[in-house]
Amino acid sequence: MNDYLTSEVVVDYADGLINRREALRRLSLMGVGAALAASMLAACTDPAPGPGASASASAPASAAGPAPLPTEPIAFDGLQAAWAAAANPRGAVLVIHENRGLTDHIRSVAGRLAASGFSALALDLLSEEGGTARFTDPAQATAALNAADPARFIEDMRSALDELQRRAPAARLAATGFCFGGGEVWQLLAAGEPRLAAAAPFYGPFPDAATLNGSKQAAVLGIYGELDSRVNATRGAAEAALSAAGMTHELVTFPGANHAFFNDTGERYNATAAAEAYTRLVQWFTEHLA
């Protein structure tokens, strides 16, 4: 996951989303030495705006899914999160954020899931550092995630599932996550989490040499963007592990979409792909949780 987080900076530079100075600053915050950082960026010979973004620069993006229900900040077991309760829940979903922590966008995802009938808890994996709100610089939030013990994230997600069970005791549980969070959902499955009835990692890197035998009961919907070559390089390993474990699964690649295409606040947002992905997500959770 550390390699993944640093490579995100390089890809953002290659796609023209950040300039060289900002890329070097972010890599430095993540502990990458100046010489290595320079060589990583030197491989990107022609930075240019990345493909796959469909939102106009002159108009705000329209988010996929329904208008979100409000979320409320909650705390439990030393952790922070945002909670959105569905009126008549058909299941309960753990939502894991991207590499910038628990942002308003991720709170909105939890609210949209609640509006679609699934109570949702969006966990802040920077809780131990004081919470995402403590970081005024998103790059510092990413660096803090990079510096944290990955094993801690597994324990934090399990504590969040405990809280989901407490708040929605009759509901079956699922997890979804985006980018870094998608990778964390794969990590949770690889760690063996028997309480998950379903999971939906969005363009998350599959862990090296991971097996999923401890989470055989989870039905997995994997979401990918056609242009996201970095994460797509792990798609085959995910497919092999899911098949080896005999798990119900479907891996979907959206044409013309890039990494982070679901994030309506980002420059790679693809409204068409995001809308279809949200529809598939709700259908998947309806089938395997309701």
C-alpha atoms as a PDB file:
ATOM      1  CA  MET A   1       0.000   0.000   0.000  1.00  0.00           C
ATOM      2  CA  ASN A   2       2.940   2.344   0.602  1.00  0.00           C
ATOM      3  CA  ASP A   3       4.117   1.812  -2.981  1.00  0.00           C
ATOM      4  CA  TYR A   4       0.567   2.424  -4.173  1.00  0.00           C
ATOM      5  CA  LEU A   5       0.274   5.746  -2.341  1.00  0.00           C
ATOM      6  CA  THR A   6       3.569   7.045  -3.696  1.00  0.00           C
ATOM      7  CA  SER A   7       2.701   5.880  -7.200  1.00  0.00           C
ATOM      8  CA  GLU A   8      -0.543   7.880  -7.002  1.00  0.00           C
ATOM      9  CA  VAL A   9       1.541  11.046  -6.754  1.00  0.00           C
ATOM     10  CA  VAL A  10       3.546  10.048  -9.813  1.00  0.00           C
ATOM     11  CA  VAL A  11       0.406   9.260 -11.809  1.00  0.00           C
ATOM     12  CA  ASP A  12      -1.197  12.574 -10.812  1.00  0.00           C
ATOM     13  CA  TYR A  13       1.932  14.312 -12.114  1.00  0.00           C
ATOM     14  CA  ALA A  14       1.968  12.250 -15.314  1.00  0.00           C
ATOM     15  CA  ASP A  15      -1.679  13.106 -15.943  1.00  0.00           C
ATOM     16  CA  GLY A  16      -1.038  16.803 -15.458  1.00  0.00           C
ATOM     17  CA  LEU A  17      -3.129  17.116 -12.296  1.00  0.00           C
ATOM     18  CA  ILE A  18      -0.199  18.511 -10.285  1.00  0.00           C
ATOM     19  CA  ASN A  19       3.048  20.195 -11.311  1.00  0.00           C
ATOM     20  CA  ARG A  20       6.559  18.917 -10.666  1.00  0.00           C
ATOM     21  CA  ARG A  21       7.146  21.078  -7.606  1.00  0.00           C
ATOM     22  CA  GLU A  22       3.950  19.838  -5.956  1.00  0.00           C
ATOM     23  CA  ALA A  23       4.760  16.234  -6.858  1.00  0.00           C
ATOM     24  CA  LEU A  24       8.207  16.548  -5.271  1.00  0.00           C
ATOM     25  CA  ARG A  25       6.678  18.144  -2.171  1.00  0.00           C
ATOM     26  CA  ARG A  26       4.158  15.344  -1.757  1.00  0.00           C
ATOM     27  CA  LEU A  27       6.769  12.641  -2.267  1.00  0.00           C
ATOM     28  CA  SER A  28       9.010  14.339   0.294  1.00  0.00           C
ATOM     29  CA  LEU A  29       6.159  14.340   2.834  1.00  0.00           C
ATOM     30  CA  MET A  30       5.872  10.590   2.255  1.00  0.00           C
ATOM     31  CA  GLY A  31       9.548  10.043   2.994  1.00  0.00           C
ATOM     32  CA  VAL A  32      10.801   9.642  -0.567  1.00  0.00           C
ATOM     33  CA  GLY A  33      14.316  11.045  -0.985  1.00  0.00           C
ATOM     34  CA  ALA A  34      14.911  13.873  -3.446  1.00  0.00           C
ATOM     35  CA  ALA A  35      17.037  11.812  -5.850  1.00  0.00           C
ATOM     36  CA  LEU A  36      14.564   8.926  -5.973  1.00  0.00           C
ATOM     37  CA  ALA A  37      11.612  11.292  -6.332  1.00  0.00           C
ATOM     38  CA  ALA A  38      13.294  13.067  -9.235  1.00  0.00           C
ATOM     39  CA  SER A  39      13.985   9.775 -10.995  1.00  0.00           C
ATOM     40  CA  MET A  40      10.384   8.664 -10.500  1.00  0.00           C
ATOM     41  CA  LEU A  41       9.097  11.834 -12.120  1.00  0.00           C
ATOM     42  CA  ALA A  42      11.707  11.728 -14.877  1.00  0.00           C
ATOM     43  CA  ALA A  43      10.006   8.628 -16.251  1.00  0.00           C
ATOM     44  CA  CYS A  44       6.968  10.814 -17.005  1.00  0.00           C
ATOM     45  CA  THR A  45       8.298  12.423 -20.157  1.00  0.00           C
ATOM     46  CA  ASP A  46       5.204  14.308 -21.298  1.00  0.00           C
ATOM     47  CA  PRO A  47       2.773  15.237 -18.509  1.00  0.00           C
ATOM     48  CA  ALA A  48      -0.624  15.978 -19.965  1.00  0.00           C
ATOM     49  CA  PRO A  49      -4.206  16.222 -18.693  1.00  0.00           C
ATOM     50  CA  GLY A  50      -5.505  12.750 -18.015  1.00  0.00           C
ATOM     51  CA  PRO A  51      -8.330  11.242 -20.077  1.00  0.00           C
ATOM     52  CA  GLY A  52     -11.612  10.027 -18.737  1.00  0.00           C
ATOM     53  CA  ALA A  53     -12.947  13.181 -17.084  1.00  0.00           C
ATOM     54  CA  SER A  54     -16.401  14.142 -18.277  1.00  0.00           C
ATOM     55  CA  ALA A  55     -17.312  16.942 -15.870  1.00  0.00           C
ATOM     56  CA  SER A  56     -17.107  20.421 -17.362  1.00  0.00           C
ATOM     57  CA  ALA A  57     -14.685  22.850 -15.781  1.00  0.00           C
ATOM     58  CA  SER A  58     -17.334  25.573 -16.015  1.00  0.00           C
ATOM     59  CA  ALA A  59     -20.099  23.695 -14.223  1.00  0.00           C
ATOM     60  CA  PRO A  60     -20.226  21.704 -10.978  1.00  0.00           C
ATOM     61  CA  ALA A  61     -20.332  17.970 -11.364  1.00  0.00           C
ATOM     62  CA  SER A  62     -23.575  16.121 -10.770  1.00  0.00           C
ATOM     63  CA  ALA A  63     -22.986  13.327  -8.265  1.00  0.00           C
ATOM     64  CA  ALA A  64     -24.110   9.791  -9.032  1.00  0.00           C
ATOM     65  CA  GLY A  65     -27.015   8.391  -7.050  1.00  0.00           C
ATOM     66  CA  PRO A  66     -29.763  10.050  -5.011  1.00  0.00           C
ATOM     67  CA  ALA A  67     -29.513  13.178  -2.916  1.00  0.00           C
ATOM     68  CA  PRO A  68     -27.667  12.124   0.247  1.00  0.00           C
ATOM     69  CA  LEU A  69     -29.285  11.878   3.634  1.00  0.00           C
ATOM     70  CA  PRO A  70     -27.468  13.873   6.314  1.00  0.00           C
ATOM     71  CA  THR A  71     -24.597  12.271   8.199  1.00  0.00           C
ATOM     72  CA  GLU A  72     -23.678  12.820  11.825  1.00  0.00           C
ATOM     73  CA  PRO A  73     -20.212  12.624  13.362  1.00  0.00           C
ATOM     74  CA  ILE A  74     -19.828   9.742  15.802  1.00  0.00           C
ATOM     75  CA  ALA A  75     -17.051   8.337  17.963  1.00  0.00           C
ATOM     76  CA  PHE A  76     -16.473   4.810  19.258  1.00  0.00           C
ATOM     77  CA  ASP A  77     -13.467   2.830  20.497  1.00  0.00           C
ATOM     78  CA  GLY A  78     -11.217   5.844  19.956  1.00  0.00           C
ATOM     79  CA  LEU A  79     -12.306   6.108  16.312  1.00  0.00           C
ATOM     80  CA  GLN A  80     -14.126   8.827  14.389  1.00  0.00           C
ATOM     81  CA  ALA A  81     -16.691   8.277  11.664  1.00  0.00           C
ATOM     82  CA  ALA A  82     -19.720   9.678   9.883  1.00  0.00           C
ATOM     83  CA  TRP A  83     -23.008   7.832  10.314  1.00  0.00           C
ATOM     84  CA  ALA A  84     -26.020   7.903   7.993  1.00  0.00           C
ATOM     85  CA  ALA A  85     -29.099   5.904   9.009  1.00  0.00           C
ATOM     86  CA  ALA A  86     -31.536   4.553   6.438  1.00  0.00           C
ATOM     87  CA  ALA A  87     -35.211   4.809   7.345  1.00  0.00           C
ATOM     88  CA  ASN A  88     -35.829   1.099   6.773  1.00  0.00           C
ATOM     89  CA  PRO A  89     -32.370  -0.408   6.292  1.00  0.00           C
ATOM     90  CA  ARG A  90     -31.927  -3.333   3.919  1.00  0.00           C
ATOM     91  CA  GLY A  91     -28.340  -3.736   5.085  1.00  0.00           C
ATOM     92  CA  ALA A  92     -25.450  -1.797   6.612  1.00  0.00           C
ATOM     93  CA  VAL A  93     -22.309  -0.690   4.771  1.00  0.00           C
ATOM     94  CA  LEU A  94     -18.822   0.261   5.942  1.00  0.00           C
ATOM     95  CA  VAL A  95     -17.389   2.988   3.676  1.00  0.00           C
ATOM     96  CA  ILE A  96     -13.600   3.432   3.410  1.00  0.00           C
ATOM     97  CA  HIS A  97     -12.200   6.703   2.106  1.00  0.00           C
ATOM     98  CA  GLU A  98      -9.594   7.606  -0.482  1.00  0.00           C
ATOM     99  CA  ASN A  99      -6.047   8.650   0.368  1.00  0.00           C
ATOM    100  CA  ARG A 100      -7.106  12.086   1.624  1.00  0.00           C
ATOM    101  CA  GLY A 101      -9.076  10.765   4.564  1.00  0.00           C
ATOM    102  CA  LEU A 102     -12.703  11.261   5.537  1.00  0.00           C
ATOM    103  CA  THR A 103     -13.772  14.091   3.228  1.00  0.00           C
ATOM    104  CA  ASP A 104     -17.162  15.626   2.503  1.00  0.00           C
ATOM    105  CA  HIS A 105     -17.279  13.535  -0.674  1.00  0.00           C
ATOM    106  CA  ILE A 106     -17.011  10.284   1.300  1.00  0.00           C
ATOM    107  CA  ARG A 107     -19.597  11.527   3.801  1.00  0.00           C
ATOM    108  CA  SER A 108     -21.830  12.138   0.802  1.00  0.00           C
ATOM    109  CA  VAL A 109     -21.323   8.550  -0.377  1.00  0.00           C
ATOM    110  CA  ALA A 110     -22.498   7.317   3.036  1.00  0.00           C
ATOM    111  CA  GLY A 111     -25.502   9.627   2.797  1.00  0.00           C
ATOM    112  CA  ARG A 112     -26.353   8.395  -0.703  1.00  0.00           C
ATOM    113  CA  LEU A 113     -26.214   4.785   0.436  1.00  0.00           C
ATOM    114  CA  ALA A 114     -28.568   5.626   3.301  1.00  0.00           C
ATOM    115  CA  ALA A 115     -30.938   7.285   0.821  1.00  0.00           C
ATOM    116  CA  SER A 116     -30.800   4.057  -1.215  1.00  0.00           C
ATOM    117  CA  GLY A 117     -31.810   1.990   1.813  1.00  0.00           C
ATOM    118  CA  PHE A 118     -28.488   0.997   3.372  1.00  0.00           C
ATOM    119  CA  SER A 119     -27.353   2.495   6.662  1.00  0.00           C
ATOM    120  CA  ALA A 120     -23.727   3.512   6.248  1.00  0.00           C
ATOM    121  CA  LEU A 121     -20.730   4.262   8.437  1.00  0.00           C
ATOM    122  CA  ALA A 122     -17.818   6.131   6.842  1.00  0.00           C
ATOM    123  CA  LEU A 123     -14.736   5.436   8.949  1.00  0.00           C
ATOM    124  CA  ASP A 124     -11.862   7.886   9.437  1.00  0.00           C
ATOM    125  CA  LEU A 125      -8.661   5.842   9.263  1.00  0.00           C
ATOM    126  CA  LEU A 126      -6.773   8.904  10.492  1.00  0.00           C
ATOM    127  CA  SER A 127      -8.572   8.801  13.838  1.00  0.00           C
ATOM    128  CA  GLU A 128      -5.413   7.929  15.748  1.00  0.00           C
ATOM    129  CA  GLU A 129      -3.723  11.018  14.274  1.00  0.00           C
ATOM    130  CA  GLY A 130      -6.577  13.216  15.512  1.00  0.00           C
ATOM    131  CA  GLY A 131      -8.861  12.815  12.511  1.00  0.00           C
ATOM    132  CA  THR A 132      -8.777  14.020   8.930  1.00  0.00           C
ATOM    133  CA  ALA A 133      -9.995  17.491   9.936  1.00  0.00           C
ATOM    134  CA  ARG A 134      -6.682  18.012  11.749  1.00  0.00           C
ATOM    135  CA  PHE A 135      -4.874  18.152   8.389  1.00  0.00           C
ATOM    136  CA  THR A 136      -5.327  21.400   6.496  1.00  0.00           C
ATOM    137  CA  ASP A 137      -3.043  20.053   3.746  1.00  0.00           C
ATOM    138  CA  PRO A 138      -4.502  16.961   2.023  1.00  0.00           C
ATOM    139  CA  ALA A 139      -0.974  15.860   1.095  1.00  0.00           C
ATOM    140  CA  GLN A 140      -0.124  15.658   4.782  1.00  0.00           C
ATOM    141  CA  ALA A 141      -3.179  13.461   5.351  1.00  0.00           C
ATOM    142  CA  THR A 142      -1.924  11.121   2.634  1.00  0.00           C
ATOM    143  CA  ALA A 143       1.536  11.106   4.181  1.00  0.00           C
ATOM    144  CA  ALA A 144       0.049  10.217   7.568  1.00  0.00           C
ATOM    145  CA  LEU A 145      -1.817   7.267   6.061  1.00  0.00           C
ATOM    146  CA  ASN A 146       1.412   6.180   4.389  1.00  0.00           C
ATOM    147  CA  ALA A 147       3.280   6.309   7.719  1.00  0.00           C
ATOM    148  CA  ALA A 148       0.683   4.372   9.721  1.00  0.00           C
ATOM    149  CA  ASP A 149       0.927   0.662  10.514  1.00  0.00           C
ATOM    150  CA  PRO A 150      -1.237  -1.129   7.910  1.00  0.00           C
ATOM    151  CA  ALA A 151      -2.270  -3.705  10.526  1.00  0.00           C
ATOM    152  CA  ARG A 152      -3.942  -0.912  12.453  1.00  0.00           C
ATOM    153  CA  PHE A 153      -6.301  -0.240   9.571  1.00  0.00           C
ATOM    154  CA  ILE A 154      -7.565  -3.836   9.704  1.00  0.00           C
ATOM    155  CA  GLU A 155      -8.308  -3.540  13.416  1.00  0.00           C
ATOM    156  CA  ASP A 156      -9.996  -0.171  12.922  1.00  0.00           C
ATOM    157  CA  MET A 157     -12.223  -1.571  10.177  1.00  0.00           C
ATOM    158  CA  ARG A 158     -13.171  -4.508  12.379  1.00  0.00           C
ATOM    159  CA  SER A 159     -14.076  -2.110  15.181  1.00  0.00           C
ATOM    160  CA  ALA A 160     -16.216  -0.197  12.689  1.00  0.00           C
ATOM    161  CA  LEU A 161     -18.031  -3.406  11.770  1.00  0.00           C
ATOM    162  CA  ASP A 162     -18.670  -3.927  15.484  1.00  0.00           C
ATOM    163  CA  GLU A 163     -20.234  -0.467  15.597  1.00  0.00           C
ATOM    164  CA  LEU A 164     -22.310  -1.192  12.494  1.00  0.00           C
ATOM    165  CA  GLN A 165     -23.652  -4.326  14.164  1.00  0.00           C
ATOM    166  CA  ARG A 166     -24.509  -2.346  17.269  1.00  0.00           C
ATOM    167  CA  ARG A 167     -26.351   0.350  15.339  1.00  0.00           C
ATOM    168  CA  ALA A 168     -28.055  -2.004  12.864  1.00  0.00           C
ATOM    169  CA  PRO A 169     -28.260  -5.333  14.732  1.00  0.00           C
ATOM    170  CA  ALA A 170     -30.614  -7.002  12.256  1.00  0.00           C
ATOM    171  CA  ALA A 171     -28.727  -5.953   9.132  1.00  0.00           C
ATOM    172  CA  ARG A 172     -26.299  -7.950   7.039  1.00  0.00           C
ATOM    173  CA  LEU A 173     -22.966  -6.189   6.559  1.00  0.00           C
ATOM    174  CA  ALA A 174     -21.008  -5.017   3.539  1.00  0.00           C
ATOM    175  CA  ALA A 175     -17.964  -2.857   2.819  1.00  0.00           C
ATOM    176  CA  THR A 176     -17.078  -0.525  -0.014  1.00  0.00           C
ATOM    177  CA  GLY A 177     -14.073   1.721  -0.552  1.00  0.00           C
ATOM    178  CA  PHE A 178     -12.456   3.945  -3.143  1.00  0.00           C
ATOM    179  CA  CYS A 179      -8.840   4.038  -4.418  1.00  0.00           C
ATOM    180  CA  PHE A 180      -6.813   3.588  -1.198  1.00  0.00           C
ATOM    181  CA  GLY A 181     -10.092   2.564   0.446  1.00  0.00           C
ATOM    182  CA  GLY A 182     -10.764   0.011  -2.258  1.00  0.00           C
ATOM    183  CA  GLY A 183      -7.380  -1.501  -1.507  1.00  0.00           C
ATOM    184  CA  GLU A 184      -8.265  -1.565   2.188  1.00  0.00           C
ATOM    185  CA  VAL A 185     -11.473  -3.465   1.435  1.00  0.00           C
ATOM    186  CA  TRP A 186      -9.364  -6.078  -0.373  1.00  0.00           C
ATOM    187  CA  GLN A 187      -7.032  -6.131   2.653  1.00  0.00           C
ATOM    188  CA  LEU A 188      -9.993  -6.733   4.980  1.00  0.00           C
ATOM    189  CA  LEU A 189     -11.175  -9.619   2.820  1.00  0.00           C
ATOM    190  CA  ALA A 190      -7.657 -11.051   2.698  1.00  0.00           C
ATOM    191  CA  ALA A 191      -7.408 -10.807   6.499  1.00  0.00           C
ATOM    192  CA  GLY A 192     -10.488 -13.040   6.798  1.00  0.00           C
ATOM    193  CA  GLU A 193     -13.638 -11.186   7.837  1.00  0.00           C
ATOM    194  CA  PRO A 194     -16.553 -13.619   8.221  1.00  0.00           C
ATOM    195  CA  ARG A 195     -19.161 -10.945   8.936  1.00  0.00           C
ATOM    196  CA  LEU A 196     -19.123  -9.456   5.436  1.00  0.00           C
ATOM    197  CA  ALA A 197     -21.941 -10.665   3.222  1.00  0.00           C
ATOM    198  CA  ALA A 198     -20.828  -8.412   0.368  1.00  0.00           C
ATOM    199  CA  ALA A 199     -17.997  -6.107  -0.652  1.00  0.00           C
ATOM    200  CA  ALA A 200     -17.454  -3.610  -3.453  1.00  0.00           C
ATOM    201  CA  PRO A 201     -13.908  -2.257  -3.840  1.00  0.00           C
ATOM    202  CA  PHE A 202     -13.709   0.616  -6.342  1.00  0.00           C
ATOM    203  CA  TYR A 203     -10.415   0.585  -8.298  1.00  0.00           C
ATOM    204  CA  GLY A 204      -8.443  -0.690  -5.318  1.00  0.00           C
ATOM    205  CA  PRO A 205      -5.099  -2.474  -5.698  1.00  0.00           C
ATOM    206  CA  PHE A 206      -5.235  -6.159  -4.841  1.00  0.00           C
ATOM    207  CA  PRO A 207      -2.672  -7.182  -2.177  1.00  0.00           C
ATOM    208  CA  ASP A 208       0.364  -9.107  -3.378  1.00  0.00           C
ATOM    209  CA  ALA A 209      -0.038 -12.892  -3.141  1.00  0.00           C
ATOM    210  CA  ALA A 210      -3.239 -12.535  -1.085  1.00  0.00           C
ATOM    211  CA  THR A 211      -5.777 -15.315  -0.651  1.00  0.00           C
ATOM    212  CA  LEU A 212      -9.424 -14.803   0.248  1.00  0.00           C
ATOM    213  CA  ASN A 213     -10.253 -18.144   1.836  1.00  0.00           C
ATOM    214  CA  GLY A 214     -11.182 -16.520   5.148  1.00  0.00           C
ATOM    215  CA  SER A 215     -13.934 -14.434   3.548  1.00  0.00           C
ATOM    216  CA  LYS A 216     -15.576 -16.992   1.268  1.00  0.00           C
ATOM    217  CA  GLN A 217     -19.071 -15.911   2.269  1.00  0.00           C
ATOM    218  CA  ALA A 218     -18.673 -12.398   0.833  1.00  0.00           C
ATOM    219  CA  ALA A 219     -20.070 -11.656  -2.620  1.00  0.00           C
ATOM    220  CA  VAL A 220     -17.605  -9.271  -4.267  1.00  0.00           C
ATOM    221  CA  LEU A 221     -18.279  -6.632  -6.912  1.00  0.00           C
ATOM    222  CA  GLY A 222     -14.987  -5.197  -8.189  1.00  0.00           C
ATOM    223  CA  ILE A 223     -15.152  -1.854 -10.011  1.00  0.00           C
ATOM    224  CA  TYR A 224     -12.419  -0.763 -12.461  1.00  0.00           C
ATOM    225  CA  GLY A 225     -11.799   2.005 -14.984  1.00  0.00           C
ATOM    226  CA  GLU A 226     -10.509   1.053 -18.425  1.00  0.00           C
ATOM    227  CA  LEU A 227      -7.769   3.715 -18.384  1.00  0.00           C
ATOM    228  CA  ASP A 228      -6.511   2.910 -14.885  1.00  0.00           C
ATOM    229  CA  SER A 229      -3.602   0.716 -15.968  1.00  0.00           C
ATOM    230  CA  ARG A 230      -1.853   0.875 -12.586  1.00  0.00           C
ATOM    231  CA  VAL A 231      -4.703  -0.733 -10.605  1.00  0.00           C
ATOM    232  CA  ASN A 232      -5.839  -2.865 -13.525  1.00  0.00           C
ATOM    233  CA  ALA A 233      -2.474  -4.619 -13.380  1.00  0.00           C
ATOM    234  CA  THR A 234      -3.747  -6.325 -10.185  1.00  0.00           C
ATOM    235  CA  ARG A 235      -7.151  -7.257 -11.613  1.00  0.00           C
ATOM    236  CA  GLY A 236      -6.015 -10.681 -12.780  1.00  0.00           C
ATOM    237  CA  ALA A 237      -4.720 -11.555  -9.319  1.00  0.00           C
ATOM    238  CA  ALA A 238      -8.035 -10.504  -7.797  1.00  0.00           C
ATOM    239  CA  GLU A 239      -9.969 -12.653 -10.258  1.00  0.00           C
ATOM    240  CA  ALA A 240      -7.722 -15.651  -9.566  1.00  0.00           C
ATOM    241  CA  ALA A 241      -8.051 -15.297  -5.789  1.00  0.00           C
ATOM    242  CA  LEU A 242     -11.837 -14.915  -5.941  1.00  0.00           C
ATOM    243  CA  SER A 243     -12.149 -17.979  -8.160  1.00  0.00           C
ATOM    244  CA  ALA A 244      -9.756 -20.028  -6.022  1.00  0.00           C
ATOM    245  CA  ALA A 245     -11.838 -19.245  -2.937  1.00  0.00           C
ATOM    246  CA  GLY A 246     -15.070 -20.151  -4.751  1.00  0.00           C
ATOM    247  CA  MET A 247     -16.582 -16.741  -4.048  1.00  0.00           C
ATOM    248  CA  THR A 248     -19.550 -15.177  -5.797  1.00  0.00           C
ATOM    249  CA  HIS A 249     -18.056 -12.272  -7.699  1.00  0.00           C
ATOM    250  CA  GLU A 250     -18.207  -9.950 -10.668  1.00  0.00           C
ATOM    251  CA  LEU A 251     -15.432  -7.643 -11.872  1.00  0.00           C
ATOM    252  CA  VAL A 252     -16.650  -4.767 -14.024  1.00  0.00           C
ATOM    253  CA  THR A 253     -14.462  -2.449 -16.118  1.00  0.00           C
ATOM    254  CA  PHE A 254     -16.038   0.808 -17.303  1.00  0.00           C
ATOM    255  CA  PRO A 255     -14.963   1.921 -20.809  1.00  0.00           C
ATOM    256  CA  GLY A 256     -13.307   5.316 -21.067  1.00  0.00           C
ATOM    257  CA  ALA A 257     -13.112   5.733 -17.298  1.00  0.00           C
ATOM    258  CA  ASN A 258      -9.940   6.461 -15.380  1.00  0.00           C
ATOM    259  CA  HIS A 259      -8.826   5.982 -11.786  1.00  0.00           C
ATOM    260  CA  ALA A 260     -11.107   7.770  -9.272  1.00  0.00           C
ATOM    261  CA  PHE A 261     -13.846   8.170 -11.872  1.00  0.00           C
ATOM    262  CA  PHE A 262     -16.549   8.016  -9.165  1.00  0.00           C
ATOM    263  CA  ASN A 263     -15.304  11.070  -7.252  1.00  0.00           C
ATOM    264  CA  ASP A 264     -17.445  13.983  -8.438  1.00  0.00           C
ATOM    265  CA  THR A 265     -15.080  16.470  -6.732  1.00  0.00           C
ATOM    266  CA  GLY A 266     -12.044  15.265  -8.708  1.00  0.00           C
ATOM    267  CA  GLU A 267     -10.665  15.977 -12.154  1.00  0.00           C
ATOM    268  CA  ARG A 268     -11.064  12.381 -13.369  1.00  0.00           C
ATOM    269  CA  TYR A 269     -14.790  12.245 -12.648  1.00  0.00           C
ATOM    270  CA  ASN A 270     -16.792  10.423 -15.317  1.00  0.00           C
ATOM    271  CA  ALA A 271     -20.480  11.096 -14.760  1.00  0.00           C
ATOM    272  CA  THR A 272     -21.738   8.343 -17.055  1.00  0.00           C
ATOM    273  CA  ALA A 273     -19.527   5.636 -15.568  1.00  0.00           C
ATOM    274  CA  ALA A 274     -20.200   6.845 -12.024  1.00  0.00           C
ATOM    275  CA  ALA A 275     -23.959   6.691 -12.487  1.00  0.00           C
ATOM    276  CA  GLU A 276     -23.811   3.146 -13.855  1.00  0.00           C
ATOM    277  CA  ALA A 277     -21.378   2.074 -11.136  1.00  0.00           C
ATOM    278  CA  TYR A 278     -23.686   3.393  -8.416  1.00  0.00           C
ATOM    279  CA  THR A 279     -26.650   1.557  -9.952  1.00  0.00           C
ATOM    280  CA  ARG A 280     -24.643  -1.681 -10.023  1.00  0.00           C
ATOM    281  CA  LEU A 281     -23.508  -1.123  -6.438  1.00  0.00           C
ATOM    282  CA  VAL A 282     -27.058  -0.740  -5.165  1.00  0.00           C
ATOM    283  CA  GLN A 283     -28.225  -3.749  -7.174  1.00  0.00           C
ATOM    284  CA  TRP A 284     -25.367  -5.843  -5.756  1.00  0.00           C
ATOM    285  CA  PHE A 285     -26.074  -4.871  -2.178  1.00  0.00           C
ATOM    286  CA  THR A 286     -29.812  -5.378  -2.685  1.00  0.00           C
ATOM    287  CA  GLU A 287     -29.183  -8.890  -3.969  1.00  0.00           C
ATOM    288  CA  HIS A 288     -26.715  -9.920  -1.270  1.00  0.00           C
ATOM    289  CA  LEU A 289     -27.843  -7.977   1.790  1.00  0.00           C
ATOM    290  CA  ALA A 290     -31.592  -7.467   1.595  1.00  0.00           C
END
